[in-house]
C-alpha atoms as a PDB file:
ATOM      1  CA  MET A   1      64.352  71.356 119.607  1.00  0.00           C
ATOM      2  CA  SER A   2      67.608  71.196 121.172  1.00  0.00           C
ATOM      3  CA  THR A   3      68.458  71.015 124.629  1.00  0.00           C
ATOM      4  CA  ASN A   4      70.928  73.636 126.550  1.00  0.00           C
ATOM      5  CA  THR A   5      73.251  70.286 127.309  1.00  0.00           C
ATOM      6  CA  GLU A   6      73.069  69.095 123.732  1.00  0.00           C
ATOM      7  CA  LEU A   7      73.765  73.171 122.686  1.00  0.00           C
ATOM      8  CA  THR A   8      76.550  73.214 125.510  1.00  0.00           C
ATOM      9  CA  ASN A   9      77.648  70.161 123.878  1.00  0.00           C
ATOM     10  CA  ARG A  10      78.147  71.026 120.635  1.00  0.00           C
ATOM     11  CA  ILE A  11      79.656  74.602 121.271  1.00  0.00           C
ATOM     12  CA  SER A  12      82.502  72.796 123.238  1.00  0.00           C
ATOM     13  CA  GLU A  13      83.039  70.629 120.157  1.00  0.00           C
ATOM     14  CA  ILE A  14      83.392  74.070 118.022  1.00  0.00           C
ATOM     15  CA  LEU A  15      85.297  75.370 120.306  1.00  0.00           C
ATOM     16  CA  ALA A  16      87.753  72.425 120.596  1.00  0.00           C
ATOM     17  CA  ARG A  17      88.547  71.730 116.867  1.00  0.00           C
ATOM     18  CA  GLY A  18      89.486  75.764 117.010  1.00  0.00           C
ATOM     19  CA  ALA A  19      86.331  76.822 115.030  1.00  0.00           C
ATOM     20  CA  THR A  20      83.931  79.613 115.679  1.00  0.00           C
ATOM     21  CA  ALA A  21      80.407  79.635 115.324  1.00  0.00           C
ATOM     22  CA  VAL A  22      77.073  81.493 116.054  1.00  0.00           C
ATOM     23  CA  LEU A  23      74.620  81.305 118.921  1.00  0.00           C
ATOM     24  CA  VAL A  24      71.319  82.592 117.921  1.00  0.00           C
ATOM     25  CA  THR A  25      68.758  83.010 120.429  1.00  0.00           C
ATOM     26  CA  ILE A  26      65.088  84.574 119.934  1.00  0.00           C
ATOM     27  CA  VAL A  27      64.977  87.261 122.499  1.00  0.00           C
ATOM     28  CA  GLU A  28      61.481  88.783 122.038  1.00  0.00           C
ATOM     29  CA  SER A  29      58.425  86.880 120.619  1.00  0.00           C
ATOM     30  CA  THR A  30      54.973  86.800 120.713  1.00  0.00           C
ATOM     31  CA  VAL A  31      54.417  83.910 118.278  1.00  0.00           C
ATOM     32  CA  ALA A  32      53.639  80.236 119.834  1.00  0.00           C
ATOM     33  CA  LYS A  33      55.530  78.422 117.334  1.00  0.00           C
ATOM     34  CA  LEU A  34      58.686  80.992 117.890  1.00  0.00           C
ATOM     35  CA  PRO A  35      59.406  80.942 121.616  1.00  0.00           C
ATOM     36  CA  VAL A  36      61.671  83.178 123.723  1.00  0.00           C
ATOM     37  CA  GLY A  37      64.974  81.488 124.408  1.00  0.00           C
ATOM     38  CA  THR A  38      65.000  78.833 121.312  1.00  0.00           C
ATOM     39  CA  LYS A  39      68.593  78.380 120.099  1.00  0.00           C
ATOM     40  CA  MET A  40      70.722  77.139 116.970  1.00  0.00           C
ATOM     41  CA  THR A  41      74.425  77.456 116.581  1.00  0.00           C
ATOM     42  CA  VAL A  42      75.908  78.015 112.647  1.00  0.00           C
ATOM     43  CA  SER A  43      79.662  77.693 112.431  1.00  0.00           C
ATOM     44  CA  ASN A  44      81.641  78.881 110.428  1.00  0.00           C
ATOM     45  CA  ASP A  45      82.983  75.515 108.902  1.00  0.00           C
ATOM     46  CA  GLY A  46      78.874  75.321 107.398  1.00  0.00           C
ATOM     47  CA  GLU A  47      77.409  73.306 110.631  1.00  0.00           C
ATOM     48  CA  ARG A  48      74.204  73.868 111.767  1.00  0.00           C
ATOM     49  CA  PHE A  49      72.837  72.587 114.911  1.00  0.00           C
ATOM     50  CA  GLY A  50      69.283  73.636 115.843  1.00  0.00           C
ATOM     51  CA  THR A  51      66.356  74.446 114.011  1.00  0.00           C
ATOM     52  CA  PHE A  52      63.280  77.636 114.453  1.00  0.00           C
ATOM     53  CA  GLY A  53      60.765  75.113 112.684  1.00  0.00           C
ATOM     54  CA  ASN A  54      60.747  77.642 110.017  1.00  0.00           C
ATOM     55  CA  ALA A  55      62.734  76.775 106.268  1.00  0.00           C
ATOM     56  CA  ALA A  56      62.799  80.402 105.270  1.00  0.00           C
ATOM     57  CA  LEU A  57      63.870  82.030 108.868  1.00  0.00           C
ATOM     58  CA  ASP A  58      66.795  79.044 109.056  1.00  0.00           C
ATOM     59  CA  GLU A  59      67.763  79.762 106.229  1.00  0.00           C
ATOM     60  CA  SER A  60      68.059  83.608 106.658  1.00  0.00           C
ATOM     61  CA  VAL A  61      69.514  83.470 109.802  1.00  0.00           C
ATOM     62  CA  ILE A  62      72.410  81.071 108.136  1.00  0.00           C
ATOM     63  CA  ARG A  63      73.099  83.575 105.309  1.00  0.00           C
ATOM     64  CA  GLU A  64      73.339  86.521 108.310  1.00  0.00           C
ATOM     65  CA  SER A  65      75.368  84.241 110.727  1.00  0.00           C
ATOM     66  CA  GLY A  66      78.054  83.912 107.602  1.00  0.00           C
ATOM     67  CA  THR A  67      78.041  87.944 107.534  1.00  0.00           C
ATOM     68  CA  PHE A  68      78.103  88.531 111.206  1.00  0.00           C
ATOM     69  CA  LEU A  69      80.884  85.861 111.095  1.00  0.00           C
ATOM     70  CA  ASN A  70      83.171  87.894 109.068  1.00  0.00           C
ATOM     71  CA  SER A  71      82.306  91.297 110.832  1.00  0.00           C
ATOM     72  CA  ARG A  72      84.040  92.502 113.896  1.00  0.00           C
ATOM     73  CA  ASP A  73      81.083  92.433 115.774  1.00  0.00           C
ATOM     74  CA  THR A  74      80.660  90.015 118.897  1.00  0.00           C
ATOM     75  CA  THR A  75      77.054  90.523 118.998  1.00  0.00           C
ATOM     76  CA  ARG A  76      74.226  91.729 116.677  1.00  0.00           C
ATOM     77  CA  VAL A  77      70.320  92.028 117.289  1.00  0.00           C
ATOM     78  CA  LEU A  78      67.604  91.739 113.942  1.00  0.00           C
ATOM     79  CA  ASP A  79      64.279  91.091 113.757  1.00  0.00           C
ATOM     80  CA  THR A  80      62.751  88.982 111.472  1.00  0.00           C
ATOM     81  CA  LEU A  81      61.185  91.262 109.304  1.00  0.00           C
ATOM     82  CA  ALA A  82      64.307  92.073 108.259  1.00  0.00           C
ATOM     83  CA  LEU A  83      66.116  89.131 107.957  1.00  0.00           C
ATOM     84  CA  THR A  84      63.206  88.049 105.594  1.00  0.00           C
ATOM     85  CA  ALA A  85      61.710  90.951 103.978  1.00  0.00           C
ATOM     86  CA  LYS A  86      62.400  89.195 100.286  1.00  0.00           C
ATOM     87  CA  GLU A  87      61.217  85.901 101.296  1.00  0.00           C
ATOM     88  CA  GLU A  88      58.263  84.571 103.556  1.00  0.00           C
ATOM     89  CA  PRO A  89      57.218  87.046 105.747  1.00  0.00           C
ATOM     90  CA  LEU A  90      56.850  86.311 109.263  1.00  0.00           C
ATOM     91  CA  SER A  91      56.014  88.191 112.557  1.00  0.00           C
ATOM     92  CA  ASP A  92      58.285  90.674 114.093  1.00  0.00           C
ATOM     93  CA  VAL A  93      60.409  88.786 116.146  1.00  0.00           C
ATOM     94  CA  ARG A  94      63.948  89.572 117.747  1.00  0.00           C
ATOM     95  CA  ILE A  95      66.899  87.641 117.527  1.00  0.00           C
ATOM     96  CA  LEU A  96      70.103  87.748 118.957  1.00  0.00           C
ATOM     97  CA  PHE A  97      73.697  86.854 117.521  1.00  0.00           C
ATOM     98  CA  GLU A  98      76.036  86.275 119.569  1.00  0.00           C
ATOM     99  CA  LYS A  99      79.620  85.293 118.169  1.00  0.00           C
ATOM    100  CA  VAL A 100      81.357  82.046 120.211  1.00  0.00           C
ATOM    101  CA  ALA A 101      84.999  81.989 119.553  1.00  0.00           C
ATOM    102  CA  PRO A 102      88.422  80.082 121.200  1.00  0.00           C
ATOM    103  CA  GLU A 103      89.859  82.435 123.294  1.00  0.00           C
ATOM    104  CA  PRO A 104      92.303  85.145 121.756  1.00  0.00           C
ATOM    105  CA  ARG A 105      95.803  83.708 120.986  1.00  0.00           C
ATOM    106  CA  LEU A 106      99.074  85.940 121.225  1.00  0.00           C
ATOM    107  CA  VAL A 107     102.754  84.333 120.375  1.00  0.00           C
ATOM    108  CA  ILE A 108     105.163  86.519 121.559  1.00  0.00           C
ATOM    109  CA  ALA A 109     108.863  86.383 119.916  1.00  0.00           C
ATOM    110  CA  GLY A 110     111.214  87.636 122.588  1.00  0.00           C
ATOM    111  CA  ALA A 111     111.136  87.173 125.918  1.00  0.00           C
ATOM    112  CA  GLY A 112     112.960  90.223 127.302  1.00  0.00           C
ATOM    113  CA  HIS A 113     111.790  92.906 129.513  1.00  0.00           C
ATOM    114  CA  VAL A 114     109.247  93.939 126.825  1.00  0.00           C
ATOM    115  CA  GLY A 115     107.921  90.375 126.090  1.00  0.00           C
ATOM    116  CA  ALA A 116     107.583  88.622 129.824  1.00  0.00           C
ATOM    117  CA  SER A 117     105.510  92.099 130.479  1.00  0.00           C
ATOM    118  CA  LEU A 118     103.585  91.386 127.521  1.00  0.00           C
ATOM    119  CA  ALA A 119     103.078  88.219 128.342  1.00  0.00           C
ATOM    120  CA  ARG A 120     101.660  88.859 131.730  1.00  0.00           C
ATOM    121  CA  LEU A 121      99.699  91.370 131.066  1.00  0.00           C
ATOM    122  CA  ALA A 122      98.048  89.736 128.268  1.00  0.00           C
ATOM    123  CA  ALA A 123      97.536  86.698 130.246  1.00  0.00           C
ATOM    124  CA  ILE A 124      95.947  88.850 132.531  1.00  0.00           C
ATOM    125  CA  ALA A 125      93.396  90.303 129.855  1.00  0.00           C
ATOM    126  CA  GLY A 126      92.238  86.700 128.572  1.00  0.00           C
ATOM    127  CA  PHE A 127      94.861  86.102 125.675  1.00  0.00           C
ATOM    128  CA  ARG A 128      96.034  82.340 125.455  1.00  0.00           C
ATOM    129  CA  VAL A 129      99.643  83.173 125.682  1.00  0.00           C
ATOM    130  CA  THR A 130     102.661  81.655 123.844  1.00  0.00           C
ATOM    131  CA  LEU A 131     106.095  83.374 124.581  1.00  0.00           C
ATOM    132  CA  MET A 132     108.720  82.365 123.066  1.00  0.00           C
ATOM    133  CA  ASP A 133     113.140  82.776 122.912  1.00  0.00           C
ATOM    134  CA  ASP A 134     116.085  81.501 121.844  1.00  0.00           C
ATOM    135  CA  ARG A 135     117.583  81.799 125.371  1.00  0.00           C
ATOM    136  CA  ALA A 136     116.377  79.014 127.816  1.00  0.00           C
ATOM    137  CA  GLU A 137     117.006  81.372 130.542  1.00  0.00           C
ATOM    138  CA  PHE A 138     114.484  83.738 129.512  1.00  0.00           C
ATOM    139  CA  VAL A 139     111.658  81.187 129.110  1.00  0.00           C
ATOM    140  CA  ASP A 140     112.316  79.349 132.780  1.00  0.00           C
ATOM    141  CA  ARG A 141     108.851  78.453 134.369  1.00  0.00           C
ATOM    142  CA  SER A 142     110.571  80.130 137.511  1.00  0.00           C
ATOM    143  CA  LEU A 143     110.145  83.376 136.439  1.00  0.00           C
ATOM    144  CA  PHE A 144     106.349  82.985 135.642  1.00  0.00           C
ATOM    145  CA  SER A 145     105.062  81.168 138.657  1.00  0.00           C
ATOM    146  CA  SER A 146     102.013  83.264 139.560  1.00  0.00           C
ATOM    147  CA  PRO A 147      98.628  81.711 139.394  1.00  0.00           C
ATOM    148  CA  ARG A 148      97.539  83.778 136.300  1.00  0.00           C
ATOM    149  CA  GLU A 149     101.249  83.465 134.591  1.00  0.00           C
ATOM    150  CA  GLU A 150     101.164  79.379 134.823  1.00  0.00           C
ATOM    151  CA  SER A 151      98.707  79.553 132.069  1.00  0.00           C
ATOM    152  CA  ILE A 152     101.804  81.471 129.553  1.00  0.00           C
ATOM    153  CA  GLU A 153     103.050  78.603 127.430  1.00  0.00           C
ATOM    154  CA  LEU A 154     107.134  78.498 127.270  1.00  0.00           C
ATOM    155  CA  VAL A 155     108.829  77.673 124.205  1.00  0.00           C
ATOM    156  CA  LYS A 156     112.462  77.409 123.556  1.00  0.00           C
ATOM    157  CA  ALA A 157     113.167  78.348 120.109  1.00  0.00           C
ATOM    158  CA  ASP A 158     116.415  76.764 118.650  1.00  0.00           C
ATOM    159  CA  ASP A 159     114.899  77.800 115.390  1.00  0.00           C
ATOM    160  CA  TRP A 160     112.933  81.170 114.906  1.00  0.00           C
ATOM    161  CA  HIS A 161     111.463  80.050 111.601  1.00  0.00           C
ATOM    162  CA  GLU A 162     110.570  76.671 112.676  1.00  0.00           C
ATOM    163  CA  ALA A 163     109.570  77.679 116.398  1.00  0.00           C
ATOM    164  CA  MET A 164     107.394  80.469 114.603  1.00  0.00           C
ATOM    165  CA  SER A 165     105.742  78.067 112.193  1.00  0.00           C
ATOM    166  CA  ASN A 166     104.926  75.675 114.575  1.00  0.00           C
ATOM    167  CA  VAL A 167     103.156  77.509 117.013  1.00  0.00           C
ATOM    168  CA  VAL A 168     101.269  79.900 114.333  1.00  0.00           C
ATOM    169  CA  GLY A 169      99.955  77.298 112.041  1.00  0.00           C
ATOM    170  CA  ASN A 170      97.534  79.155 109.461  1.00  0.00           C
ATOM    171  CA  GLY A 171      97.312  82.215 111.335  1.00  0.00           C
ATOM    172  CA  ARG A 172      93.775  81.852 112.392  1.00  0.00           C
ATOM    173  CA  GLY A 173      92.737  83.767 115.643  1.00  0.00           C
ATOM    174  CA  VAL A 174      96.529  84.335 116.554  1.00  0.00           C
ATOM    175  CA  SER A 175      98.087  88.143 116.918  1.00  0.00           C
ATOM    176  CA  VAL A 176     101.871  88.135 116.917  1.00  0.00           C
ATOM    177  CA  ALA A 177     104.065  90.509 118.492  1.00  0.00           C
ATOM    178  CA  ILE A 178     107.799  90.543 117.646  1.00  0.00           C
ATOM    179  CA  VAL A 179     109.748  92.067 120.004  1.00  0.00           C
ATOM    180  CA  THR A 180     113.386  89.915 120.096  1.00  0.00           C
ATOM    181  CA  ARG A 181     116.573  91.517 120.582  1.00  0.00           C
ATOM    182  CA  GLY A 182     118.123  91.620 117.078  1.00  0.00           C
ATOM    183  CA  HIS A 183     117.220  92.312 113.044  1.00  0.00           C
ATOM    184  CA  LYS A 184     118.265  88.614 112.261  1.00  0.00           C
ATOM    185  CA  GLN A 185     115.768  87.180 114.772  1.00  0.00           C
ATOM    186  CA  ASP A 186     112.747  89.317 113.021  1.00  0.00           C
ATOM    187  CA  GLU A 187     113.427  88.396 109.741  1.00  0.00           C
ATOM    188  CA  GLU A 188     113.201  84.672 110.595  1.00  0.00           C
ATOM    189  CA  CYS A 189     110.059  85.678 112.392  1.00  0.00           C
ATOM    190  CA  LEU A 190     108.757  87.448 109.873  1.00  0.00           C
ATOM    191  CA  HIS A 191     109.779  85.096 107.362  1.00  0.00           C
ATOM    192  CA  ALA A 192     107.868  82.625 109.234  1.00  0.00           C
ATOM    193  CA  LEU A 193     104.907  84.914 109.055  1.00  0.00           C
ATOM    194  CA  VAL A 194     104.694  85.885 105.592  1.00  0.00           C
ATOM    195  CA  ASN A 195     102.282  83.664 103.954  1.00  0.00           C
ATOM    196  CA  ALA A 196     100.326  82.661 107.166  1.00  0.00           C
ATOM    197  CA  LYS A 197      97.132  84.812 108.005  1.00  0.00           C
ATOM    198  CA  ALA A 198      97.296  86.041 111.651  1.00  0.00           C
ATOM    199  CA  GLU A 199      95.316  88.566 112.345  1.00  0.00           C
ATOM    200  CA  TYR A 200      97.974  91.006 113.539  1.00  0.00           C
ATOM    201  CA  VAL A 201     101.707  90.784 113.018  1.00  0.00           C
ATOM    202  CA  GLY A 202     103.828  93.548 114.745  1.00  0.00           C
ATOM    203  CA  MET A 203     107.244  94.148 115.208  1.00  0.00           C
ATOM    204  CA  ILE A 204     109.104  96.556 117.632  1.00  0.00           C
ATOM    205  CA  GLY A 205     111.921  98.407 116.774  1.00  0.00           C
ATOM    206  CA  SER A 206     112.865 102.297 115.371  1.00  0.00           C
ATOM    207  CA  LYS A 207     111.391 102.964 111.886  1.00  0.00           C
ATOM    208  CA  ARG A 208     114.902 102.850 110.382  1.00  0.00           C
ATOM    209  CA  ARG A 209     115.785  98.825 111.940  1.00  0.00           C
ATOM    210  CA  THR A 210     111.818  98.028 111.049  1.00  0.00           C
ATOM    211  CA  ASN A 211     112.801  99.284 107.193  1.00  0.00           C
ATOM    212  CA  ILE A 212     115.904  97.762 106.913  1.00  0.00           C
ATOM    213  CA  VAL A 213     113.741  94.026 107.828  1.00  0.00           C
ATOM    214  CA  LEU A 214     110.812  94.907 106.113  1.00  0.00           C
ATOM    215  CA  GLN A 215     112.937  95.838 102.784  1.00  0.00           C
ATOM    216  CA  LYS A 216     115.748  92.853 103.181  1.00  0.00           C
ATOM    217  CA  LEU A 217     112.089  90.527 103.349  1.00  0.00           C
ATOM    218  CA  ARG A 218     110.612  92.721 100.012  1.00  0.00           C
ATOM    219  CA  ASP A 219     114.047  91.948  98.007  1.00  0.00           C
ATOM    220  CA  GLU A 220     113.696  88.503  98.738  1.00  0.00           C
ATOM    221  CA  GLY A 221     110.348  88.592  97.552  1.00  0.00           C
ATOM    222  CA  ALA A 222     108.021  88.872  99.642  1.00  0.00           C
ATOM    223  CA  ASP A 223     104.462  89.566  98.650  1.00  0.00           C
ATOM    224  CA  GLU A 224     104.351  93.402  99.130  1.00  0.00           C
ATOM    225  CA  ASN A 225     100.540  92.995 100.590  1.00  0.00           C
ATOM    226  CA  ASN A 226     101.709  90.754 103.602  1.00  0.00           C
ATOM    227  CA  LEU A 227     104.682  93.190 104.348  1.00  0.00           C
ATOM    228  CA  LYS A 228     102.127  96.354 104.681  1.00  0.00           C
ATOM    229  CA  ARG A 229     100.104  94.173 106.928  1.00  0.00           C
ATOM    230  CA  VAL A 230     103.033  94.228 109.380  1.00  0.00           C
ATOM    231  CA  ARG A 231     102.557  97.105 112.280  1.00  0.00           C
ATOM    232  CA  ALA A 232     106.085  98.188 112.621  1.00  0.00           C
ATOM    233  CA  PRO A 233     106.914 100.546 114.813  1.00  0.00           C
ATOM    234  CA  ILE A 234     104.447  97.997 116.908  1.00  0.00           C
ATOM    235  CA  GLY A 235     101.950  99.468 119.583  1.00  0.00           C
ATOM    236  CA  LEU A 236     100.329 103.234 119.707  1.00  0.00           C
ATOM    237  CA  ASP A 237     101.662 106.252 120.487  1.00  0.00           C
ATOM    238  CA  ILE A 238     100.958 106.734 124.182  1.00  0.00           C
ATOM    239  CA  GLY A 239     104.372 108.072 125.055  1.00  0.00           C
ATOM    240  CA  ALA A 240     105.737 105.117 126.614  1.00  0.00           C
ATOM    241  CA  VAL A 241     108.748 104.333 128.183  1.00  0.00           C
ATOM    242  CA  SER A 242     108.829 101.806 130.764  1.00  0.00           C
ATOM    243  CA  PRO A 243     108.659  98.046 129.451  1.00  0.00           C
ATOM    244  CA  GLU A 244     105.275  97.770 131.541  1.00  0.00           C
ATOM    245  CA  GLU A 245     104.272 101.030 129.147  1.00  0.00           C
ATOM    246  CA  VAL A 246     105.535  99.689 126.189  1.00  0.00           C
ATOM    247  CA  ALA A 247     103.505  96.049 126.596  1.00  0.00           C
ATOM    248  CA  LEU A 248     100.526  98.269 127.225  1.00  0.00           C
ATOM    249  CA  SER A 249     100.826 100.505 124.071  1.00  0.00           C
ATOM    250  CA  ILE A 250     101.259  96.988 122.013  1.00  0.00           C
ATOM    251  CA  LEU A 251      98.240  95.097 123.883  1.00  0.00           C
ATOM    252  CA  ALA A 252      96.658  98.065 122.873  1.00  0.00           C
ATOM    253  CA  GLU A 253      96.667  97.968 119.528  1.00  0.00           C
ATOM    254  CA  ILE A 254      96.048  94.318 119.435  1.00  0.00           C
ATOM    255  CA  ILE A 255      92.969  94.558 120.842  1.00  0.00           C
ATOM    256  CA  ALA A 256      91.910  97.507 118.859  1.00  0.00           C
ATOM    257  CA  GLU A 257      92.651  95.602 115.960  1.00  0.00           C
ATOM    258  CA  ARG A 258      90.737  92.534 116.912  1.00  0.00           C
ATOM    259  CA  TYR A 259      87.689  94.627 117.269  1.00  0.00           C
ATOM    260  CA  GLY A 260      88.516  97.387 114.561  1.00  0.00           C
ATOM    261  CA  ALA A 261      88.414 100.137 116.859  1.00  0.00           C
ATOM    262  CA  THR A 262      90.002 103.367 116.166  1.00  0.00           C
ATOM    263  CA  GLY A 263      92.464 103.540 119.511  1.00  0.00           C
ATOM    264  CA  LEU A 264      91.183 107.313 119.781  1.00  0.00           C
ATOM    265  CA  PRO A 265      90.229 109.005 122.635  1.00  0.00           C
ATOM    266  CA  LEU A 266      86.478 107.417 123.887  1.00  0.00           C
ATOM    267  CA  SER A 267      86.026 111.354 124.569  1.00  0.00           C
ATOM    268  CA  ASP A 268      86.312 112.236 121.140  1.00  0.00           C
ATOM    269  CA  TRP A 269      82.601 111.776 120.452  1.00  0.00           C
ATOM    270  CA  ARG A 270      81.749 114.347 122.566  1.00  0.00           C
ATOM    271  CA  ARG A 271      84.485 117.165 121.046  1.00  0.00           C
ATOM    272  CA  ARG A 272      83.237 116.442 118.053  1.00  0.00           C
END
């Protein structure tokens, strides 16, 4: 059985390389060989650490972990009867699956009023934020000096396409909000994102402005399926007017997308 220290070190290693994993814990058991608190981890790149001492259960947990990682759930509770129904029957033991992932990342292109407000709000909400702009005075550290704002990464984008590509990488675990000041900057950012698999891509602007940008990329041969993933205009309809309200509507949509939520009022369930 793995010690808590070994398990903590393994989880730290998984997060350090930007991977995600499932922490699997026995939470209810009357079986001596499967005591409460026994844990194992399964990472998305196939690495397993720990064992429950039962080959059939271990294999079932690994298989279920893959399904769980591909879902939007953050926790899930199953019992061994459900996990191994088609294999070796086991006594009913309840197992908790918890998703372990690096803090969510948000890349913001454009550090004007909306971008700056979004960066501050997202930092408070626990996102690791990168804010970029081609105007050095808009990404001056003195503008983001509170304790939480100090965690915001500021990037001077001499070239929008290159800066976006460098920051986003393959897009895994990254949300992107494009809130620049014009068509040209929007296009350069979207060009860099067309083939990246970012979890969320949104672009600010009117329907006319965003359609112009998307059509230009379409005419240049961009993949239509990738373009359909772009949320434009960006954000949820909350009647936002001020930069802070617009930032809130954007962050709300990003969070809803992250968890697979609808963005509808929670009170709707009662009315239905």
